[in-house]
Amino acid sequence: MHPLSIKAFAKINLGLLITGKRSDGYHTLETLFAPINWYDTLEFAESAQISMSCSNVALPLDDNNLCIKAAKALQQFAGIDKGVALTLNKEVPFGAGLGGGSSDAATVLRVLNSFWNINASSAELHSLAVKLGADVPYFLEMKGLAYAQGIGDELEDLGLTIPYFIVTVFPEEHISTVWAYKNFYARFDRPVPDLKHAAEEFCRFGKKEVCSLFENDFESAVFDHFPAVRNVKSLLLEAGALFASLSGSGSAVFGLFEHEADALAAMKACPETYRMSLTPPHFSMQQ
């Protein structure tokens, strides 16, 4: 059998509102996930045990790696001892708020479910995904724009795509999610904007004025501590973005552009050392 090669796409958050804190320490949130055309590539080959190699030497290849965790969780769930040799070509930066690791883990779950002939149901895969990370179910189950609540694991497919070019910029700062949750400025008592309705107005009817509702509650603290990240947002807006925001807990920043020429000009205006991607309008994660 030839090795399978699968793309694991990243995401941005079109708005991220942290609404409270649970007794178990997790924060509750409301967010809109949207896929972008920036991806890692995973190869799956038959093997007697679970092993992994990666193009990025900074990533652990032991049980701390989400791909290994996903494979072992599925192996344990199914009560089998089959193996797989995983090869990860890592293109999506980590510590960027783009969900690269979560997307890789979801891809491992989805592919191995058929590769190993387990045929677990979507509900069974969902429960494995949640334990791996709050973003993993999105990548497992959705293709386009999705509304999420709870800890990010309660998902609703909105049947929408973003009708603009998306420029995503990684300013070479790694921000841990743990740091972001420790340092964000809580505003639990404010009225929460209706993200679902705003997404509908924005994506279906092109109402740009609703962009002001797509706030990211991590942004203020991240910008205060990481001025290079704040500068990317300014740069994208100056280049003509109709909206720009931090993604997730950062450090990646994205801008939405009506015209491809403006999007490309914005990318040219960024420092050459920054990694970035351009996503076309109406992008979805169809394989």
Protein backbone atom coordinates (compact mmCIF):
# COMPACT_ATOMS: atom_id res chain seq x y z
CA MET A 1 0.00 0.00 0.00
CA HIS A 2 1.33 3.43 -0.97
CA PRO A 3 1.68 6.05 1.79
CA LEU A 4 -1.35 8.31 2.04
CA SER A 5 -0.64 12.05 1.93
CA ILE A 6 -3.28 14.34 3.51
CA LYS A 7 -3.44 18.11 4.02
CA ALA A 8 -4.27 19.39 7.52
CA PHE A 9 -5.56 22.95 7.16
CA ALA A 10 -5.25 25.72 9.74
CA LYS A 11 -7.97 28.10 10.99
CA ILE A 12 -8.50 31.68 12.05
CA ASN A 13 -11.01 32.99 14.59
CA LEU A 14 -13.41 35.58 13.23
CA GLY A 15 -14.19 36.95 16.69
CA LEU A 16 -13.36 35.25 19.99
CA LEU A 17 -15.28 36.21 23.11
CA ILE A 18 -14.27 34.76 26.48
CA THR A 19 -17.50 34.69 28.45
CA GLY A 20 -16.61 33.09 31.81
CA LYS A 21 -14.55 30.58 33.75
CA ARG A 22 -15.73 27.12 34.82
CA SER A 23 -14.99 25.39 38.10
CA ASP A 24 -12.57 23.03 36.31
CA GLY A 25 -10.42 25.98 35.23
CA TYR A 26 -11.52 25.95 31.58
CA HIS A 27 -12.86 29.21 30.15
CA THR A 28 -16.13 29.34 28.25
CA LEU A 29 -16.10 31.15 24.95
CA GLU A 30 -17.95 31.99 21.79
CA THR A 31 -16.07 32.08 18.52
CA LEU A 32 -16.29 31.69 14.77
CA PHE A 33 -13.79 29.27 13.22
CA ALA A 34 -12.89 29.77 9.56
CA PRO A 35 -10.47 27.61 7.54
CA ILE A 36 -7.47 29.09 5.73
CA ASN A 37 -5.30 27.76 2.92
CA TRP A 38 -2.26 27.17 5.12
CA TYR A 39 -1.63 23.54 5.90
CA ASP A 40 0.64 20.83 7.22
CA THR A 41 0.96 17.60 5.22
CA LEU A 42 0.70 14.23 6.94
CA GLU A 43 1.83 10.96 5.40
CA PHE A 44 0.54 7.61 6.66
CA ALA A 45 2.43 4.38 5.96
CA GLU A 46 1.91 0.86 7.27
CA SER A 47 4.09 -0.06 10.23
CA ALA A 48 4.17 -2.53 13.12
CA GLN A 49 4.10 0.26 15.70
CA ILE A 50 3.19 3.93 16.01
CA SER A 51 6.12 6.14 15.05
CA MET A 52 6.59 9.66 13.72
CA SER A 53 9.07 11.87 11.94
CA CYS A 54 8.72 15.63 11.44
CA SER A 55 10.31 18.31 9.25
CA ASN A 56 10.48 20.65 12.27
CA VAL A 57 13.09 19.47 14.78
CA ALA A 58 11.62 21.73 17.50
CA LEU A 59 8.53 19.53 17.84
CA PRO A 60 8.58 16.57 20.26
CA LEU A 61 8.01 13.15 18.69
CA ASP A 62 7.07 11.37 21.93
CA ASP A 63 3.76 11.10 23.80
CA ASN A 64 3.66 14.91 24.11
CA ASN A 65 2.98 15.17 20.38
CA LEU A 66 -0.72 15.57 19.56
CA CYS A 67 -0.46 13.27 16.52
CA ILE A 68 1.02 10.47 18.63
CA LYS A 69 -1.61 11.15 21.33
CA ALA A 70 -4.39 10.92 18.73
CA ALA A 71 -3.07 7.66 17.26
CA LYS A 72 -2.66 6.06 20.68
CA ALA A 73 -6.10 7.26 21.85
CA LEU A 74 -7.73 5.65 18.81
CA GLN A 75 -5.64 2.47 19.21
CA GLN A 76 -6.70 2.20 22.85
CA PHE A 77 -10.35 2.95 22.04
CA ALA A 78 -10.44 0.18 19.44
CA GLY A 79 -8.41 -2.27 21.54
CA ILE A 80 -6.00 -2.99 18.68
CA ASP A 81 -2.22 -3.07 18.38
CA LYS A 82 -1.86 -1.90 14.75
CA GLY A 83 0.81 0.70 14.06
CA VAL A 84 1.44 3.51 11.60
CA ALA A 85 4.49 5.48 10.47
CA LEU A 86 3.54 9.16 10.42
CA THR A 87 5.53 11.80 8.55
CA LEU A 88 4.60 15.40 9.30
CA ASN A 89 5.70 18.18 6.98
CA LYS A 90 5.15 21.13 9.34
CA GLU A 91 4.27 24.37 7.55
CA VAL A 92 1.74 25.97 9.91
CA PRO A 93 3.64 27.84 12.65
CA PHE A 94 2.94 26.83 16.26
CA GLY A 95 2.22 29.32 19.03
CA ALA A 96 0.34 31.26 16.36
CA GLY A 97 -3.35 30.76 17.22
CA LEU A 98 -3.92 28.90 13.95
CA GLY A 99 -4.73 25.48 15.40
CA GLY A 100 -2.04 23.63 13.44
CA GLY A 101 -1.46 20.95 16.07
CA SER A 102 -5.20 20.45 16.56
CA SER A 103 -5.72 20.08 12.82
CA ASP A 104 -2.91 17.50 12.64
CA ALA A 105 -4.48 15.52 15.50
CA ALA A 106 -7.93 15.61 13.86
CA THR A 107 -6.42 14.40 10.58
CA VAL A 108 -4.74 11.49 12.37
CA LEU A 109 -8.05 10.48 14.01
CA ARG A 110 -10.03 10.72 10.78
CA VAL A 111 -7.52 8.93 8.56
CA LEU A 112 -6.56 6.15 10.99
CA ASN A 113 -10.24 5.41 11.63
CA SER A 114 -10.41 4.08 8.06
CA PHE A 115 -6.70 3.12 7.66
CA TRP A 116 -7.07 0.71 10.59
CA ASN A 117 -10.66 -0.30 9.62
CA ILE A 118 -12.07 0.81 12.99
CA ASN A 119 -15.15 2.62 11.64
CA ALA A 120 -15.81 4.49 14.90
CA SER A 121 -18.90 6.70 14.75
CA SER A 122 -18.64 10.49 14.52
CA ALA A 123 -19.84 10.72 18.15
CA GLU A 124 -17.07 8.35 19.28
CA LEU A 125 -14.45 10.29 17.34
CA HIS A 126 -15.81 13.55 18.80
CA SER A 127 -15.33 12.32 22.37
CA LEU A 128 -11.72 11.31 21.56
CA ALA A 129 -11.13 14.68 19.85
CA VAL A 130 -12.36 16.76 22.82
CA LYS A 131 -9.88 15.04 25.12
CA LEU A 132 -7.02 15.96 22.77
CA GLY A 133 -7.89 19.66 22.65
CA ALA A 134 -10.80 22.08 22.42
CA ASP A 135 -10.15 22.95 18.74
CA VAL A 136 -9.74 19.37 17.52
CA PRO A 137 -13.48 18.68 16.94
CA TYR A 138 -13.71 21.67 14.56
CA PHE A 139 -11.06 20.22 12.26
CA LEU A 140 -12.56 16.75 12.55
CA GLU A 141 -16.13 17.69 11.71
CA MET A 142 -16.37 21.00 9.83
CA LYS A 143 -15.40 22.29 6.38
CA GLY A 144 -16.22 26.00 6.47
CA LEU A 145 -17.32 28.67 8.92
CA ALA A 146 -18.52 27.25 12.24
CA TYR A 147 -19.87 28.83 15.42
CA ALA A 148 -18.43 27.35 18.61
CA GLN A 149 -19.31 27.71 22.26
CA GLY A 150 -18.60 25.85 25.51
CA ILE A 151 -14.82 25.48 25.57
CA GLY A 152 -14.88 25.65 21.77
CA ASP A 153 -16.09 22.08 21.34
CA GLU A 154 -19.85 22.71 20.89
CA LEU A 155 -20.02 23.32 17.16
CA GLU A 156 -22.59 24.49 14.66
CA ASP A 157 -21.92 24.46 10.93
CA LEU A 158 -23.14 27.82 9.61
CA GLY A 159 -23.03 26.78 5.94
CA LEU A 160 -21.05 29.95 5.19
CA THR A 161 -17.66 30.86 3.72
CA ILE A 162 -15.77 34.15 3.90
CA PRO A 163 -16.23 36.05 0.61
CA TYR A 164 -12.89 37.88 0.83
CA PHE A 165 -9.19 37.20 0.37
CA ILE A 166 -7.58 36.37 3.72
CA VAL A 167 -3.97 37.35 4.36
CA THR A 168 -2.60 35.57 7.45
CA VAL A 169 0.72 36.78 8.86
CA PHE A 170 2.90 35.11 11.50
CA PRO A 171 5.23 37.74 13.03
CA GLU A 172 7.71 35.14 14.33
CA GLU A 173 6.49 35.40 17.93
CA HIS A 174 5.33 32.21 19.67
CA ILE A 175 2.55 32.83 22.21
CA SER A 176 1.41 29.94 24.38
CA THR A 177 -2.30 29.49 24.99
CA VAL A 178 -1.52 29.13 28.70
CA TRP A 179 0.13 32.57 28.73
CA ALA A 180 -2.79 34.10 26.84
CA TYR A 181 -5.41 32.77 29.27
CA LYS A 182 -3.36 33.96 32.25
CA ASN A 183 -2.93 37.49 30.89
CA PHE A 184 -6.07 38.46 28.94
CA TYR A 185 -8.22 41.31 30.27
CA ALA A 186 -11.46 39.67 31.43
CA ARG A 187 -14.76 41.37 30.53
CA PHE A 188 -17.22 38.70 31.65
CA ASP A 189 -19.99 41.18 32.48
CA ARG A 190 -20.28 42.93 29.11
CA PRO A 191 -23.14 42.17 26.71
CA VAL A 192 -22.00 39.52 24.23
CA PRO A 193 -22.41 40.37 20.53
CA ASP A 194 -24.41 37.91 18.40
CA LEU A 195 -21.55 36.37 16.42
CA LYS A 196 -23.79 33.98 14.49
CA HIS A 197 -26.03 36.75 13.20
CA ALA A 198 -23.02 38.95 12.45
CA ALA A 199 -21.43 36.12 10.43
CA GLU A 200 -24.62 35.72 8.40
CA GLU A 201 -24.85 39.47 7.70
CA PHE A 202 -21.18 39.65 6.82
CA CYS A 203 -20.72 36.52 4.69
CA ARG A 204 -24.12 36.31 3.01
CA PHE A 205 -25.03 39.97 2.61
CA GLY A 206 -21.63 41.68 2.61
CA LYS A 207 -22.47 44.02 5.49
CA LYS A 208 -19.00 45.29 6.40
CA GLU A 209 -20.20 47.38 9.34
CA VAL A 210 -20.77 44.23 11.44
CA CYS A 211 -16.97 43.66 11.46
CA SER A 212 -16.82 45.75 14.63
CA LEU A 213 -18.59 42.88 16.44
CA PHE A 214 -15.78 40.42 15.63
CA GLU A 215 -13.70 41.25 18.70
CA ASN A 216 -10.93 39.01 20.03
CA ASP A 217 -10.62 39.14 23.82
CA PHE A 218 -6.96 38.11 23.70
CA GLU A 219 -5.99 41.00 21.45
CA SER A 220 -5.48 43.84 23.96
CA ALA A 221 -3.15 41.90 26.26
CA VAL A 222 -1.21 40.35 23.36
CA PHE A 223 -0.75 43.75 21.70
CA ASP A 224 0.42 45.30 24.98
CA HIS A 225 3.09 42.61 25.48
CA PHE A 226 4.05 41.92 21.84
CA PRO A 227 4.27 45.22 19.88
CA ALA A 228 5.42 43.39 16.71
CA VAL A 229 2.05 41.62 16.63
CA ARG A 230 0.15 44.89 17.05
CA ASN A 231 2.19 46.39 14.20
CA VAL A 232 1.03 43.66 11.80
CA LYS A 233 -2.60 44.62 12.37
CA SER A 234 -1.80 48.29 11.69
CA LEU A 235 0.10 47.33 8.56
CA LEU A 236 -2.78 45.24 7.18
CA LEU A 237 -5.32 48.00 7.82
CA GLU A 238 -3.05 50.60 6.21
CA ALA A 239 -2.74 48.31 3.18
CA GLY A 240 -6.52 48.38 2.73
CA ALA A 241 -7.87 45.47 4.79
CA LEU A 242 -11.56 46.00 5.54
CA PHE A 243 -10.97 44.12 8.81
CA ALA A 244 -7.93 42.78 10.65
CA SER A 245 -7.62 40.86 13.91
CA LEU A 246 -5.52 38.57 16.03
CA SER A 247 -6.35 34.89 15.47
CA GLY A 248 -7.05 32.75 18.54
CA SER A 249 -4.57 33.50 21.31
CA GLY A 250 -2.06 34.75 18.73
CA SER A 251 0.44 35.57 17.45
CA ALA A 252 -0.85 35.31 13.88
CA VAL A 253 -2.88 38.25 12.58
CA PHE A 254 -5.20 38.12 9.57
CA GLY A 255 -6.69 40.75 7.29
CA LEU A 256 -9.67 40.51 4.94
CA PHE A 257 -9.34 42.11 1.49
CA GLU A 258 -11.83 42.67 -1.31
CA HIS A 259 -9.17 42.72 -4.03
CA GLU A 260 -6.35 40.28 -4.60
CA ALA A 261 -3.97 43.07 -5.66
CA ASP A 262 -4.41 44.79 -2.27
CA ALA A 263 -3.89 41.47 -0.46
CA LEU A 264 -0.66 40.81 -2.35
CA ALA A 265 0.54 44.38 -1.73
CA ALA A 266 -0.11 43.91 2.01
CA MET A 267 2.00 40.74 2.00
CA LYS A 268 4.81 42.61 0.22
CA ALA A 269 4.67 45.34 2.87
CA CYS A 270 5.32 42.84 5.69
CA PRO A 271 8.88 42.09 6.83
CA GLU A 272 10.43 39.38 4.65
CA THR A 273 11.20 37.18 7.65
CA TYR A 274 7.48 36.81 8.47
CA ARG A 275 5.72 33.70 7.23
CA MET A 276 2.32 34.28 5.65
CA SER A 277 -0.41 32.78 3.51
CA LEU A 278 -3.09 33.96 1.11
CA THR A 279 -6.51 32.27 1.18
CA PRO A 280 -8.95 32.80 -1.71
CA PRO A 281 -12.59 33.87 -1.17
CA HIS A 282 -15.11 31.14 -0.22
CA PHE A 283 -12.39 28.72 0.89
CA SER A 284 -13.39 25.48 2.61
CA MET A 285 -11.51 22.38 3.78
CA GLN A 286 -12.64 20.03 1.02
CA GLN A 287 -9.95 17.43 0.43
